[in-house]
Amino acid sequence: MTRRAKIVCTLGPATSTPEMVQALVDAGMDVARLNFSHGTHDHHARAYDMVRQASDRSGRSVGILADLQGPKIRLGRFEQSPVLWVAGEEITITVEECVGSRDRISTTYARLAMDVKPGDRLLIDDGNVAVSVLRVEGDDVRCLVDEGGLVSDRKGLSLIGVAVSAPALSDKDAEDLRFALGLGVDFVALSFVRSPADAGLVHAVMNDVGVRLPV
């Protein structure tokens, strides 16, 4: 039976040796994902080389995907981390720079208070904790904890159904994209795509470099 599903594996610290990459290829990895939210260009270049070498040794074609970070939104740092947010209590997320307390924490996204409205849902740490917006008070977004849990420093913040006004392709993303195209990756992934114009930003960089790949 022909396998139509593709196995995509993210390469990271646990797969940073030629032996581990070879094991992934031999186990059936179809696409190696380079996560540009983490790691340096040198790290990704080494991972790229290891995948190509393992692919050649095995005689299997393995694609390489460059996954750009996009406008990553994070919480700030707590005075004492982690903190426990309990369902039913209120907390505040502010765009002001501050050291967080148990019920008040900053965010890296300066336009949060302008982009959200009451009823909007925010997910923290890949959905492990969920809050909903009660009201916006200046730079503060007052929220109700819907699904509680432990929250630690610098966790990701996702705005569900909210039109984020941050550009889909940051300066860092453009730099990473040029680097990835120079390496010779096979695919590019972009986070937080909201319209065809967002993909067009990636295509513009590709046109400038002279390389067109699937996005």
Protein backbone atom coordinates (compact mmCIF):
# COMPACT_ATOMS: atom_id res chain seq x y z
CA MET A 1 0.00 0.00 0.00
CA THR A 2 1.31 3.45 -0.92
CA ARG A 3 1.79 5.71 2.10
CA ARG A 4 0.26 9.12 1.40
CA ALA A 5 0.91 10.68 4.80
CA LYS A 6 4.24 12.43 5.24
CA ILE A 7 6.31 12.16 8.40
CA VAL A 8 7.67 15.58 9.41
CA CYS A 9 10.26 15.66 12.20
CA THR A 10 11.50 18.79 13.96
CA LEU A 11 15.26 18.76 14.45
CA GLY A 12 16.52 20.05 17.78
CA PRO A 13 18.99 19.36 20.60
CA ALA A 14 17.84 15.74 20.93
CA THR A 15 18.58 15.09 17.24
CA SER A 16 21.80 17.06 16.87
CA THR A 17 24.12 14.20 15.92
CA PRO A 18 24.63 12.49 12.54
CA GLU A 19 23.64 9.18 14.15
CA MET A 20 20.29 10.51 15.36
CA VAL A 21 19.49 12.15 12.04
CA GLN A 22 20.41 8.95 10.21
CA ALA A 23 18.11 7.01 12.53
CA LEU A 24 15.23 9.37 11.71
CA VAL A 25 15.82 8.98 7.98
CA ASP A 26 16.03 5.20 8.29
CA ALA A 27 12.81 5.19 10.35
CA GLY A 28 10.93 6.91 7.54
CA MET A 29 11.25 10.66 8.04
CA ASP A 30 10.02 12.39 4.88
CA VAL A 31 10.64 16.02 5.83
CA ALA A 32 13.08 17.53 8.33
CA ARG A 33 11.77 20.74 9.92
CA LEU A 34 14.22 23.49 10.84
CA ASN A 35 12.48 25.59 13.49
CA PHE A 36 13.77 29.15 13.15
CA SER A 37 12.06 30.15 16.39
CA HIS A 38 15.07 28.56 18.08
CA GLY A 39 18.71 27.92 17.30
CA THR A 40 21.35 29.83 15.39
CA HIS A 41 22.11 29.88 11.70
CA ASP A 42 25.16 27.74 12.37
CA HIS A 43 22.97 25.20 14.15
CA HIS A 44 20.53 25.06 11.23
CA ALA A 45 23.37 24.79 8.70
CA ARG A 46 24.77 21.77 10.54
CA ALA A 47 21.33 20.16 10.71
CA TYR A 48 20.83 20.79 6.99
CA ASP A 49 24.14 19.12 6.14
CA MET A 50 23.39 16.12 8.36
CA VAL A 51 20.01 15.56 6.68
CA ARG A 52 21.47 15.77 3.18
CA GLN A 53 24.27 13.36 4.07
CA ALA A 54 21.90 10.90 5.75
CA SER A 55 19.56 11.10 2.77
CA ASP A 56 22.41 10.33 0.37
CA ARG A 57 23.57 7.37 2.46
CA SER A 58 20.09 5.86 2.68
CA GLY A 59 19.15 6.53 -0.93
CA ARG A 60 15.90 8.18 0.25
CA SER A 61 14.77 11.65 -0.73
CA VAL A 62 14.16 13.71 2.41
CA GLY A 63 12.82 17.25 2.11
CA ILE A 64 13.94 20.10 4.36
CA LEU A 65 11.42 22.65 5.62
CA ALA A 66 12.38 26.08 6.95
CA ASP A 67 9.69 27.09 9.46
CA LEU A 68 9.90 30.84 10.09
CA GLN A 69 9.05 32.20 13.52
CA GLY A 70 6.55 34.86 12.46
CA PRO A 71 5.21 37.47 14.90
CA LYS A 72 5.73 35.39 18.03
CA ILE A 73 3.91 36.86 21.01
CA ARG A 74 5.15 35.98 24.48
CA LEU A 75 4.44 36.80 28.08
CA GLY A 76 7.11 38.53 30.13
CA ARG A 77 8.87 37.31 33.25
CA PHE A 78 7.38 36.72 36.68
CA GLU A 79 9.03 37.75 39.94
CA GLN A 80 8.51 34.15 41.06
CA SER A 81 8.02 31.56 38.32
CA PRO A 82 5.97 29.54 37.72
CA VAL A 83 2.63 30.86 38.96
CA LEU A 84 -0.64 28.96 39.18
CA TRP A 85 -3.64 30.52 37.45
CA VAL A 86 -6.90 29.04 38.71
CA ALA A 87 -10.06 28.81 36.60
CA GLY A 88 -12.52 31.55 37.57
CA GLU A 89 -10.00 34.12 38.77
CA GLU A 90 -9.07 37.35 37.01
CA ILE A 91 -5.59 38.24 35.76
CA THR A 92 -4.13 41.20 33.87
CA ILE A 93 -1.91 41.13 30.81
CA THR A 94 -0.28 44.51 30.22
CA VAL A 95 1.83 46.02 27.46
CA GLU A 96 3.76 47.97 30.10
CA GLU A 97 7.21 46.64 30.88
CA CYS A 98 7.15 45.18 34.36
CA VAL A 99 8.22 42.23 36.45
CA GLY A 100 5.14 40.06 36.71
CA SER A 101 3.25 39.17 39.86
CA ARG A 102 0.85 36.28 40.33
CA ASP A 103 -2.07 38.14 38.73
CA ARG A 104 -0.33 40.67 36.46
CA ILE A 105 2.15 39.97 33.66
CA SER A 106 3.55 41.88 30.70
CA THR A 107 3.59 40.83 27.05
CA THR A 108 6.05 41.42 24.23
CA TYR A 109 3.18 42.45 21.92
CA ALA A 110 2.85 46.22 22.23
CA ARG A 111 -0.49 46.36 20.37
CA LEU A 112 -2.33 43.77 22.44
CA ALA A 113 -4.68 46.27 24.08
CA MET A 114 -5.55 47.73 20.66
CA ASP A 115 -6.16 44.40 18.94
CA VAL A 116 -8.36 42.54 21.43
CA LYS A 117 -11.90 43.14 22.67
CA PRO A 118 -14.15 41.61 25.34
CA GLY A 119 -14.94 38.00 24.56
CA ASP A 120 -11.71 37.29 22.68
CA ARG A 121 -9.94 34.12 23.74
CA LEU A 122 -6.21 33.92 24.44
CA LEU A 123 -4.23 30.69 24.71
CA ILE A 124 -1.02 30.47 26.72
CA ASP A 125 1.74 27.88 26.43
CA ASP A 126 0.26 26.17 23.35
CA GLY A 127 -3.20 26.03 24.90
CA ASN A 128 -2.26 24.59 28.28
CA VAL A 129 -3.88 27.66 29.86
CA ALA A 130 -6.78 29.64 28.36
CA VAL A 131 -8.20 33.05 29.28
CA SER A 132 -10.91 35.26 27.83
CA VAL A 133 -10.86 39.05 27.65
CA LEU A 134 -13.23 40.80 30.06
CA ARG A 135 -12.29 44.40 29.33
CA VAL A 136 -9.49 46.66 28.13
CA GLU A 137 -8.31 49.42 30.46
CA GLY A 138 -5.67 51.56 28.77
CA ASP A 139 -2.57 49.39 28.41
CA ASP A 140 -4.09 46.61 30.51
CA VAL A 141 -6.16 43.68 29.28
CA ARG A 142 -8.24 42.22 32.10
CA CYS A 143 -8.94 38.52 31.58
CA LEU A 144 -10.88 35.66 33.14
CA VAL A 145 -9.04 32.36 33.49
CA ASP A 146 -11.13 29.73 31.69
CA GLU A 147 -8.70 26.83 31.92
CA GLY A 148 -6.11 27.11 34.65
CA GLY A 149 -2.61 25.77 35.05
CA LEU A 150 0.99 26.67 35.73
CA VAL A 151 2.39 29.61 33.76
CA SER A 152 6.13 30.30 33.63
CA ASP A 153 8.36 32.98 32.12
CA ARG A 154 8.25 33.82 28.41
CA LYS A 155 5.46 31.42 27.47
CA GLY A 156 3.81 31.90 24.09
CA LEU A 157 0.54 33.83 23.81
CA SER A 158 -1.85 33.02 20.95
CA LEU A 159 -4.75 35.29 19.99
CA ILE A 160 -7.61 33.13 18.71
CA GLY A 161 -9.65 34.71 15.93
CA VAL A 162 -7.98 38.09 16.48
CA ALA A 163 -6.59 40.10 13.59
CA VAL A 164 -3.04 40.61 14.81
CA SER A 165 -1.69 43.87 13.43
CA ALA A 166 1.96 42.80 13.64
CA PRO A 167 3.55 42.10 10.23
CA ALA A 168 3.50 38.44 9.20
CA LEU A 169 7.16 38.63 8.17
CA SER A 170 9.49 40.32 10.65
CA ASP A 171 13.01 41.57 9.90
CA LYS A 172 14.30 38.43 11.63
CA ASP A 173 12.08 36.25 9.45
CA ALA A 174 13.35 37.93 6.27
CA GLU A 175 16.95 37.39 7.38
CA ASP A 176 16.22 33.77 8.27
CA LEU A 177 14.45 33.23 4.95
CA ARG A 178 17.40 34.54 2.96
CA PHE A 179 19.69 32.26 4.93
CA ALA A 180 17.44 29.23 4.40
CA LEU A 181 17.14 29.88 0.68
CA GLY A 182 20.92 30.11 0.50
CA LEU A 183 21.20 26.74 2.21
CA GLY A 184 18.91 25.15 -0.35
CA VAL A 185 15.83 24.16 1.66
CA ASP A 186 12.91 22.60 -0.19
CA PHE A 187 9.93 24.21 1.54
CA VAL A 188 9.13 27.30 3.60
CA ALA A 189 6.47 27.60 6.31
CA LEU A 190 5.12 30.91 7.63
CA SER A 191 3.22 31.30 10.90
CA PHE A 192 0.15 33.49 11.52
CA VAL A 193 -0.85 33.83 7.85
CA ARG A 194 -3.98 35.98 7.60
CA SER A 195 -4.26 36.79 3.90
CA PRO A 196 -2.60 36.10 0.53
CA ALA A 197 -0.65 39.32 1.05
CA ASP A 198 1.21 37.69 3.94
CA ALA A 199 2.45 34.90 1.68
CA GLY A 200 3.31 37.61 -0.83
CA LEU A 201 5.88 39.01 1.62
CA VAL A 202 7.69 35.68 1.48
CA HIS A 203 7.46 35.55 -2.30
CA ALA A 204 8.93 39.06 -2.52
CA VAL A 205 12.04 37.93 -0.63
CA MET A 206 12.24 34.82 -2.81
CA ASN A 207 12.04 36.95 -5.95
CA ASP A 208 14.83 39.15 -4.63
CA VAL A 209 17.00 36.10 -3.97
CA GLY A 210 16.00 34.45 -7.23
CA VAL A 211 14.52 31.29 -5.72
CA ARG A 212 10.86 30.22 -5.65
CA LEU A 213 9.72 27.45 -3.33
CA PRO A 214 6.37 26.16 -2.05
CA VAL A 215 5.09 28.11 0.98
